[in-house]
Amino acid sequence: MSQAAEKHIPGGSRRAPHRQHPERRRHYLVEELKSTVGDDDLTAYATGFLWSYDAVTTVIPGIRTMAQLHQYVAATTFDSSREREGDFEESYDRFIAKDPSPW
C-alpha cells in the first residue's frame, strides 16, 4: 500500500481496501503487487516467485492465449531476487494469510 494510503486508512480497519468485496480486494492486491515491482506484467514475477522454492518442481500456468504463452515462456528465464521474494511474502502475510480469499 502506498504510504499516503496508509496514513488515511489504518491497516486493521474494516474499510481498508484489502478487506473489501472480493473483486475489489483482488484488484487492490494486484495493483499493490504491480506497484511493488514497478511493472504491469506480473507473469515473470509470479512464476519466478514460485520457482524460487526448492520444493516446487513445476508450475502449471493457466494459459489461454498465444500472448500469455509468450509471456510465460519469456518468464522461464526470469531470475527473481531474494529481496523481491521477501516483498511478496510480506504482502502475503499482511493481506492474505490471516484473511484468505475465496479465489
C-alpha atoms as a PDB file:
ATOM      1  CA  MET A   1       0.000   0.000   0.000  1.00  0.00           C
ATOM      2  CA  SER A   2       1.265   3.430  -0.746  1.00  0.00           C
ATOM      3  CA  GLN A   3       2.442   5.495   2.199  1.00  0.00           C
ATOM      4  CA  ALA A   4      -0.210   8.120   1.523  1.00  0.00           C
ATOM      5  CA  ALA A   5      -2.956   5.495   1.656  1.00  0.00           C
ATOM      6  CA  GLU A   6      -1.587   4.034   4.875  1.00  0.00           C
ATOM      7  CA  LYS A   7      -1.864   7.428   6.569  1.00  0.00           C
ATOM      8  CA  HIS A   8      -5.561   7.623   5.734  1.00  0.00           C
ATOM      9  CA  ILE A   9      -6.713   4.047   6.269  1.00  0.00           C
ATOM     10  CA  PRO A  10      -5.481   2.026   9.238  1.00  0.00           C
ATOM     11  CA  GLY A  11      -4.386  -1.496   8.253  1.00  0.00           C
ATOM     12  CA  GLY A  12      -6.815  -3.199  10.601  1.00  0.00           C
ATOM     13  CA  SER A  13      -9.801  -1.075   9.602  1.00  0.00           C
ATOM     14  CA  ARG A  14     -12.741  -2.865   8.015  1.00  0.00           C
ATOM     15  CA  ARG A  15     -12.731  -0.003   5.496  1.00  0.00           C
ATOM     16  CA  ALA A  16      -9.185  -0.855   4.418  1.00  0.00           C
ATOM     17  CA  PRO A  17      -9.082  -1.713   0.685  1.00  0.00           C
ATOM     18  CA  HIS A  18      -7.789  -5.229   1.309  1.00  0.00           C
ATOM     19  CA  ARG A  19     -10.929  -6.026   3.347  1.00  0.00           C
ATOM     20  CA  GLN A  20     -13.455  -5.025   0.701  1.00  0.00           C
ATOM     21  CA  HIS A  21     -15.632  -7.063  -1.616  1.00  0.00           C
ATOM     22  CA  PRO A  22     -13.608  -9.984  -3.126  1.00  0.00           C
ATOM     23  CA  GLU A  23     -13.317  -8.447  -6.618  1.00  0.00           C
ATOM     24  CA  ARG A  24     -12.228  -5.089  -5.232  1.00  0.00           C
ATOM     25  CA  ARG A  25      -9.846  -6.814  -2.871  1.00  0.00           C
ATOM     26  CA  ARG A  26      -8.304  -8.842  -5.691  1.00  0.00           C
ATOM     27  CA  HIS A  27      -7.907  -5.681  -7.793  1.00  0.00           C
ATOM     28  CA  TYR A  28      -6.327  -3.856  -4.853  1.00  0.00           C
ATOM     29  CA  LEU A  29      -3.852  -6.668  -4.189  1.00  0.00           C
ATOM     30  CA  VAL A  30      -2.854  -6.936  -7.855  1.00  0.00           C
ATOM     31  CA  GLU A  31      -2.338  -3.165  -8.044  1.00  0.00           C
ATOM     32  CA  GLU A  32      -0.201  -3.321  -4.879  1.00  0.00           C
ATOM     33  CA  LEU A  33       1.987  -6.017  -6.452  1.00  0.00           C
ATOM     34  CA  LYS A  34       2.317  -4.002  -9.653  1.00  0.00           C
ATOM     35  CA  SER A  35       3.357  -1.021  -7.566  1.00  0.00           C
ATOM     36  CA  THR A  36       5.867  -3.129  -5.640  1.00  0.00           C
ATOM     37  CA  VAL A  37       7.574  -4.464  -8.762  1.00  0.00           C
ATOM     38  CA  GLY A  38       7.096  -1.375 -10.926  1.00  0.00           C
ATOM     39  CA  ASP A  39       5.663  -3.367 -13.817  1.00  0.00           C
ATOM     40  CA  ASP A  40       2.163  -4.076 -15.145  1.00  0.00           C
ATOM     41  CA  ASP A  41       3.044  -7.604 -16.285  1.00  0.00           C
ATOM     42  CA  LEU A  42       3.273  -9.858 -13.229  1.00  0.00           C
ATOM     43  CA  THR A  43       3.817 -13.122 -15.139  1.00  0.00           C
ATOM     44  CA  ALA A  44       7.592 -13.251 -14.701  1.00  0.00           C
ATOM     45  CA  TYR A  45       7.398 -12.211 -11.052  1.00  0.00           C
ATOM     46  CA  ALA A  46       4.695 -14.740 -10.219  1.00  0.00           C
ATOM     47  CA  THR A  47       6.393 -17.689 -11.887  1.00  0.00           C
ATOM     48  CA  GLY A  48       9.836 -16.599 -10.648  1.00  0.00           C
ATOM     49  CA  PHE A  49       8.474 -16.454  -7.115  1.00  0.00           C
ATOM     50  CA  LEU A  50       7.021 -19.956  -7.382  1.00  0.00           C
ATOM     51  CA  TRP A  51      10.203 -21.379  -8.876  1.00  0.00           C
ATOM     52  CA  SER A  52      12.291 -19.817  -6.130  1.00  0.00           C
ATOM     53  CA  TYR A  53      11.208 -22.586  -3.759  1.00  0.00           C
ATOM     54  CA  ASP A  54      13.204 -25.817  -3.914  1.00  0.00           C
ATOM     55  CA  ALA A  55      10.054 -27.825  -3.206  1.00  0.00           C
ATOM     56  CA  VAL A  56       8.433 -26.574  -6.430  1.00  0.00           C
ATOM     57  CA  THR A  57       9.313 -28.811  -9.361  1.00  0.00           C
ATOM     58  CA  THR A  58       6.843 -27.453 -11.896  1.00  0.00           C
ATOM     59  CA  VAL A  59       4.423 -24.597 -12.402  1.00  0.00           C
ATOM     60  CA  ILE A  60       1.262 -25.237 -14.409  1.00  0.00           C
ATOM     61  CA  PRO A  61       0.071 -21.912 -15.791  1.00  0.00           C
ATOM     62  CA  GLY A  62      -3.470 -21.223 -16.950  1.00  0.00           C
ATOM     63  CA  ILE A  63      -2.529 -20.112 -20.445  1.00  0.00           C
ATOM     64  CA  ARG A  64      -5.481 -19.039 -22.594  1.00  0.00           C
ATOM     65  CA  THR A  65      -3.903 -17.031 -25.403  1.00  0.00           C
ATOM     66  CA  MET A  66      -0.775 -17.043 -27.507  1.00  0.00           C
ATOM     67  CA  ALA A  67       0.270 -13.766 -25.873  1.00  0.00           C
ATOM     68  CA  GLN A  68       0.090 -15.442 -22.455  1.00  0.00           C
ATOM     69  CA  LEU A  69       2.118 -18.363 -23.782  1.00  0.00           C
ATOM     70  CA  HIS A  70       4.821 -15.961 -24.984  1.00  0.00           C
ATOM     71  CA  GLN A  71       4.819 -14.165 -21.609  1.00  0.00           C
ATOM     72  CA  TYR A  72       5.131 -17.464 -19.789  1.00  0.00           C
ATOM     73  CA  VAL A  73       7.965 -18.728 -21.997  1.00  0.00           C
ATOM     74  CA  ALA A  74       9.818 -15.431 -21.522  1.00  0.00           C
ATOM     75  CA  ALA A  75       9.310 -15.758 -17.762  1.00  0.00           C
ATOM     76  CA  THR A  76      11.146 -19.099 -17.661  1.00  0.00           C
ATOM     77  CA  THR A  77      14.464 -17.240 -17.723  1.00  0.00           C
ATOM     78  CA  PHE A  78      13.448 -14.626 -15.157  1.00  0.00           C
ATOM     79  CA  ASP A  79      15.581 -14.559 -12.007  1.00  0.00           C
ATOM     80  CA  SER A  80      13.585 -13.326  -9.030  1.00  0.00           C
ATOM     81  CA  SER A  81      15.645 -11.549  -6.390  1.00  0.00           C
ATOM     82  CA  ARG A  82      15.524 -12.596  -2.740  1.00  0.00           C
ATOM     83  CA  GLU A  83      14.555  -9.029  -1.829  1.00  0.00           C
ATOM     84  CA  ARG A  84      11.569  -9.161  -4.179  1.00  0.00           C
ATOM     85  CA  GLU A  85      10.551 -12.558  -2.814  1.00  0.00           C
ATOM     86  CA  GLY A  86      10.644 -11.060   0.666  1.00  0.00           C
ATOM     87  CA  ASP A  87       8.346  -8.263  -0.531  1.00  0.00           C
ATOM     88  CA  PHE A  88       5.871 -10.826  -1.863  1.00  0.00           C
ATOM     89  CA  GLU A  89       5.972 -12.877   1.338  1.00  0.00           C
ATOM     90  CA  GLU A  90       5.446  -9.728   3.397  1.00  0.00           C
ATOM     91  CA  SER A  91       2.413  -8.803   1.279  1.00  0.00           C
ATOM     92  CA  TYR A  92       1.028 -12.306   1.690  1.00  0.00           C
ATOM     93  CA  ASP A  93       1.496 -12.216   5.461  1.00  0.00           C
ATOM     94  CA  ARG A  94      -0.047  -8.770   5.687  1.00  0.00           C
ATOM     95  CA  PHE A  95      -3.038  -9.091   3.362  1.00  0.00           C
ATOM     96  CA  ILE A  96      -3.880 -12.755   2.814  1.00  0.00           C
ATOM     97  CA  ALA A  97      -2.579 -15.146   5.494  1.00  0.00           C
ATOM     98  CA  LYS A  98      -4.971 -14.045   8.235  1.00  0.00           C
ATOM     99  CA  ASP A  99      -7.875 -13.383   5.859  1.00  0.00           C
ATOM    100  CA  PRO A 100      -7.731 -15.899   2.975  1.00  0.00           C
ATOM    101  CA  SER A 101      -9.565 -15.030  -0.191  1.00  0.00           C
ATOM    102  CA  PRO A 102     -12.241 -17.273  -1.719  1.00  0.00           C
ATOM    103  CA  TRP A 103     -10.332 -17.139  -5.028  1.00  0.00           C
END
